[in-house]
């Protein structure tokens, strides 16, 4: 993705997404992407494959290795688990299953 250019130029390539250019702070988004990349690169291959093995001491090591705070590692892992759960629901029930989950709450 880095080789394709900046996030702003990639969004500009997608039809209909030019409207979002003013609504998104691309500098902040790219900063978040770099932080996420640093956290993932600080994990071992075993931790990447099985994130549920990451305990408190591993979170501290990952945060020190990536130059971030433990809270950033926690947030990334939480987002990952939520996304995984959402994708599981989506693949299980298709688009109708996802709609039920979104609108039943």
C-alpha atoms as a PDB file:
ATOM      1  CA  UNK A   1       0.000   0.000   0.000  1.00  0.00           C
ATOM      2  CA  UNK A   2       2.876   2.361   0.746  1.00  0.00           C
ATOM      3  CA  UNK A   3       4.148   1.952  -2.797  1.00  0.00           C
ATOM      4  CA  UNK A   4       0.813   3.168  -4.171  1.00  0.00           C
ATOM      5  CA  UNK A   5       1.258   6.593  -2.602  1.00  0.00           C
ATOM      6  CA  UNK A   6      -0.304   8.550   0.199  1.00  0.00           C
ATOM      7  CA  UNK A   7      -3.659   7.652   1.693  1.00  0.00           C
ATOM      8  CA  UNK A   8      -5.148  10.768   0.156  1.00  0.00           C
ATOM      9  CA  UNK A   9      -4.070   9.774  -3.353  1.00  0.00           C
ATOM     10  CA  UNK A  10      -5.381   6.218  -2.878  1.00  0.00           C
ATOM     11  CA  UNK A  11      -8.777   7.536  -1.719  1.00  0.00           C
ATOM     12  CA  UNK A  12      -8.807   9.826  -4.763  1.00  0.00           C
ATOM     13  CA  UNK A  13      -8.473   6.805  -7.058  1.00  0.00           C
ATOM     14  CA  UNK A  14     -11.681   5.223  -5.747  1.00  0.00           C
ATOM     15  CA  UNK A  15     -14.772   6.402  -7.647  1.00  0.00           C
ATOM     16  CA  UNK A  16     -17.064   8.570  -5.525  1.00  0.00           C
ATOM     17  CA  UNK A  17     -14.597   8.957  -2.669  1.00  0.00           C
ATOM     18  CA  UNK A  18     -13.453  12.458  -3.635  1.00  0.00           C
ATOM     19  CA  UNK A  19     -16.248  13.769  -1.407  1.00  0.00           C
ATOM     20  CA  UNK A  20     -14.414  12.423   1.651  1.00  0.00           C
ATOM     21  CA  UNK A  21     -11.224  14.353   0.990  1.00  0.00           C
ATOM     22  CA  UNK A  22     -12.369  17.326   3.058  1.00  0.00           C
ATOM     23  CA  UNK A  23     -13.928  15.234   5.818  1.00  0.00           C
ATOM     24  CA  UNK A  24     -10.851  13.148   6.681  1.00  0.00           C
ATOM     25  CA  UNK A  25      -7.666  14.382   8.322  1.00  0.00           C
ATOM     26  CA  UNK A  26      -5.206  12.383   6.214  1.00  0.00           C
ATOM     27  CA  UNK A  27      -2.153  13.434   8.221  1.00  0.00           C
ATOM     28  CA  UNK A  28      -3.701  11.991  11.384  1.00  0.00           C
ATOM     29  CA  UNK A  29      -4.839   8.846   9.550  1.00  0.00           C
ATOM     30  CA  UNK A  30      -1.344   8.209   8.167  1.00  0.00           C
ATOM     31  CA  UNK A  31       0.115   8.750  11.651  1.00  0.00           C
ATOM     32  CA  UNK A  32      -2.269   6.100  13.009  1.00  0.00           C
ATOM     33  CA  UNK A  33      -1.279   3.707  10.232  1.00  0.00           C
ATOM     34  CA  UNK A  34       2.417   4.152  11.048  1.00  0.00           C
ATOM     35  CA  UNK A  35       1.710   3.551  14.751  1.00  0.00           C
ATOM     36  CA  UNK A  36      -0.272   0.397  13.955  1.00  0.00           C
ATOM     37  CA  UNK A  37       2.504  -0.839  11.691  1.00  0.00           C
ATOM     38  CA  UNK A  38       5.109  -0.254  14.410  1.00  0.00           C
ATOM     39  CA  UNK A  39       3.037  -2.208  16.934  1.00  0.00           C
ATOM     40  CA  UNK A  40       2.536  -5.132  14.562  1.00  0.00           C
ATOM     41  CA  UNK A  41       6.228  -5.168  13.630  1.00  0.00           C
ATOM     42  CA  UNK A  42       7.118  -5.355  17.338  1.00  0.00           C
ATOM     43  CA  UNK A  43       5.143  -8.577  17.732  1.00  0.00           C
ATOM     44  CA  UNK A  44       6.654 -12.011  17.242  1.00  0.00           C
ATOM     45  CA  UNK A  45       5.270 -14.179  14.449  1.00  0.00           C
ATOM     46  CA  UNK A  46       3.583 -16.368  17.065  1.00  0.00           C
ATOM     47  CA  UNK A  47       1.841 -13.304  18.569  1.00  0.00           C
ATOM     48  CA  UNK A  48       0.686 -12.189  15.124  1.00  0.00           C
ATOM     49  CA  UNK A  49      -0.761 -15.621  14.426  1.00  0.00           C
ATOM     50  CA  UNK A  50      -2.433 -15.970  17.840  1.00  0.00           C
ATOM     51  CA  UNK A  51      -3.107 -12.540  19.389  1.00  0.00           C
ATOM     52  CA  UNK A  52      -4.984 -14.122  22.294  1.00  0.00           C
ATOM     53  CA  UNK A  53      -1.628 -15.226  23.803  1.00  0.00           C
ATOM     54  CA  UNK A  54      -0.597 -11.609  24.358  1.00  0.00           C
ATOM     55  CA  UNK A  55      -0.630 -11.038  28.118  1.00  0.00           C
ATOM     56  CA  UNK A  56       0.407  -8.013  30.170  1.00  0.00           C
ATOM     57  CA  UNK A  57       4.160  -8.559  29.981  1.00  0.00           C
ATOM     58  CA  UNK A  58       3.999  -9.115  26.217  1.00  0.00           C
ATOM     59  CA  UNK A  59       1.923  -5.943  25.807  1.00  0.00           C
ATOM     60  CA  UNK A  60       4.562  -4.001  27.720  1.00  0.00           C
ATOM     61  CA  UNK A  61       7.360  -5.451  25.560  1.00  0.00           C
ATOM     62  CA  UNK A  62       5.439  -4.681  22.361  1.00  0.00           C
ATOM     63  CA  UNK A  63       4.752  -1.109  23.471  1.00  0.00           C
ATOM     64  CA  UNK A  64       8.405  -0.509  24.341  1.00  0.00           C
ATOM     65  CA  UNK A  65       9.538  -2.026  21.047  1.00  0.00           C
ATOM     66  CA  UNK A  66       7.148   0.086  19.017  1.00  0.00           C
ATOM     67  CA  UNK A  67       7.665   3.317  20.935  1.00  0.00           C
ATOM     68  CA  UNK A  68       4.005   3.508  21.902  1.00  0.00           C
ATOM     69  CA  UNK A  69       2.011   3.180  25.104  1.00  0.00           C
ATOM     70  CA  UNK A  70       0.459  -0.024  26.412  1.00  0.00           C
ATOM     71  CA  UNK A  71      -2.960   1.574  25.874  1.00  0.00           C
ATOM     72  CA  UNK A  72      -2.218   1.831  22.129  1.00  0.00           C
ATOM     73  CA  UNK A  73      -1.452  -1.899  22.008  1.00  0.00           C
ATOM     74  CA  UNK A  74      -4.647  -2.621  23.960  1.00  0.00           C
ATOM     75  CA  UNK A  75      -6.683  -0.477  21.556  1.00  0.00           C
ATOM     76  CA  UNK A  76      -5.224  -2.227  18.510  1.00  0.00           C
ATOM     77  CA  UNK A  77      -5.934  -5.675  19.947  1.00  0.00           C
ATOM     78  CA  UNK A  78      -9.480  -4.635  20.878  1.00  0.00           C
ATOM     79  CA  UNK A  79     -10.136  -3.314  17.354  1.00  0.00           C
ATOM     80  CA  UNK A  80      -8.753  -6.533  15.909  1.00  0.00           C
ATOM     81  CA  UNK A  81     -11.030  -8.703  18.048  1.00  0.00           C
ATOM     82  CA  UNK A  82     -14.097  -6.584  17.203  1.00  0.00           C
ATOM     83  CA  UNK A  83     -13.310  -6.724  13.483  1.00  0.00           C
ATOM     84  CA  UNK A  84     -12.755 -10.479  13.655  1.00  0.00           C
ATOM     85  CA  UNK A  85     -16.110 -10.929  15.404  1.00  0.00           C
ATOM     86  CA  UNK A  86     -17.891  -8.722  12.844  1.00  0.00           C
ATOM     87  CA  UNK A  87     -16.371 -10.597   9.907  1.00  0.00           C
ATOM     88  CA  UNK A  88     -17.368 -13.902  11.459  1.00  0.00           C
ATOM     89  CA  UNK A  89     -20.978 -12.721  11.705  1.00  0.00           C
ATOM     90  CA  UNK A  90     -20.851 -11.416   8.160  1.00  0.00           C
ATOM     91  CA  UNK A  91     -19.536 -14.659   6.685  1.00  0.00           C
ATOM     92  CA  UNK A  92     -21.938 -16.733   8.781  1.00  0.00           C
ATOM     93  CA  UNK A  93     -25.147 -14.983   7.791  1.00  0.00           C
ATOM     94  CA  UNK A  94     -24.086 -13.038   4.710  1.00  0.00           C
ATOM     95  CA  UNK A  95     -25.262  -9.464   4.283  1.00  0.00           C
ATOM     96  CA  UNK A  96     -28.620 -10.260   5.924  1.00  0.00           C
ATOM     97  CA  UNK A  97     -26.880 -11.577   9.023  1.00  0.00           C
ATOM     98  CA  UNK A  98     -24.809  -8.398   9.253  1.00  0.00           C
ATOM     99  CA  UNK A  99     -27.881  -6.198   8.821  1.00  0.00           C
ATOM    100  CA  UNK A 100     -29.666  -8.059  11.606  1.00  0.00           C
ATOM    101  CA  UNK A 101     -26.719  -7.551  13.932  1.00  0.00           C
ATOM    102  CA  UNK A 102     -26.416  -3.848  13.138  1.00  0.00           C
ATOM    103  CA  UNK A 103     -30.099  -2.960  13.407  1.00  0.00           C
ATOM    104  CA  UNK A 104     -31.166  -5.255  16.236  1.00  0.00           C
ATOM    105  CA  UNK A 105     -29.071  -3.384  18.796  1.00  0.00           C
END
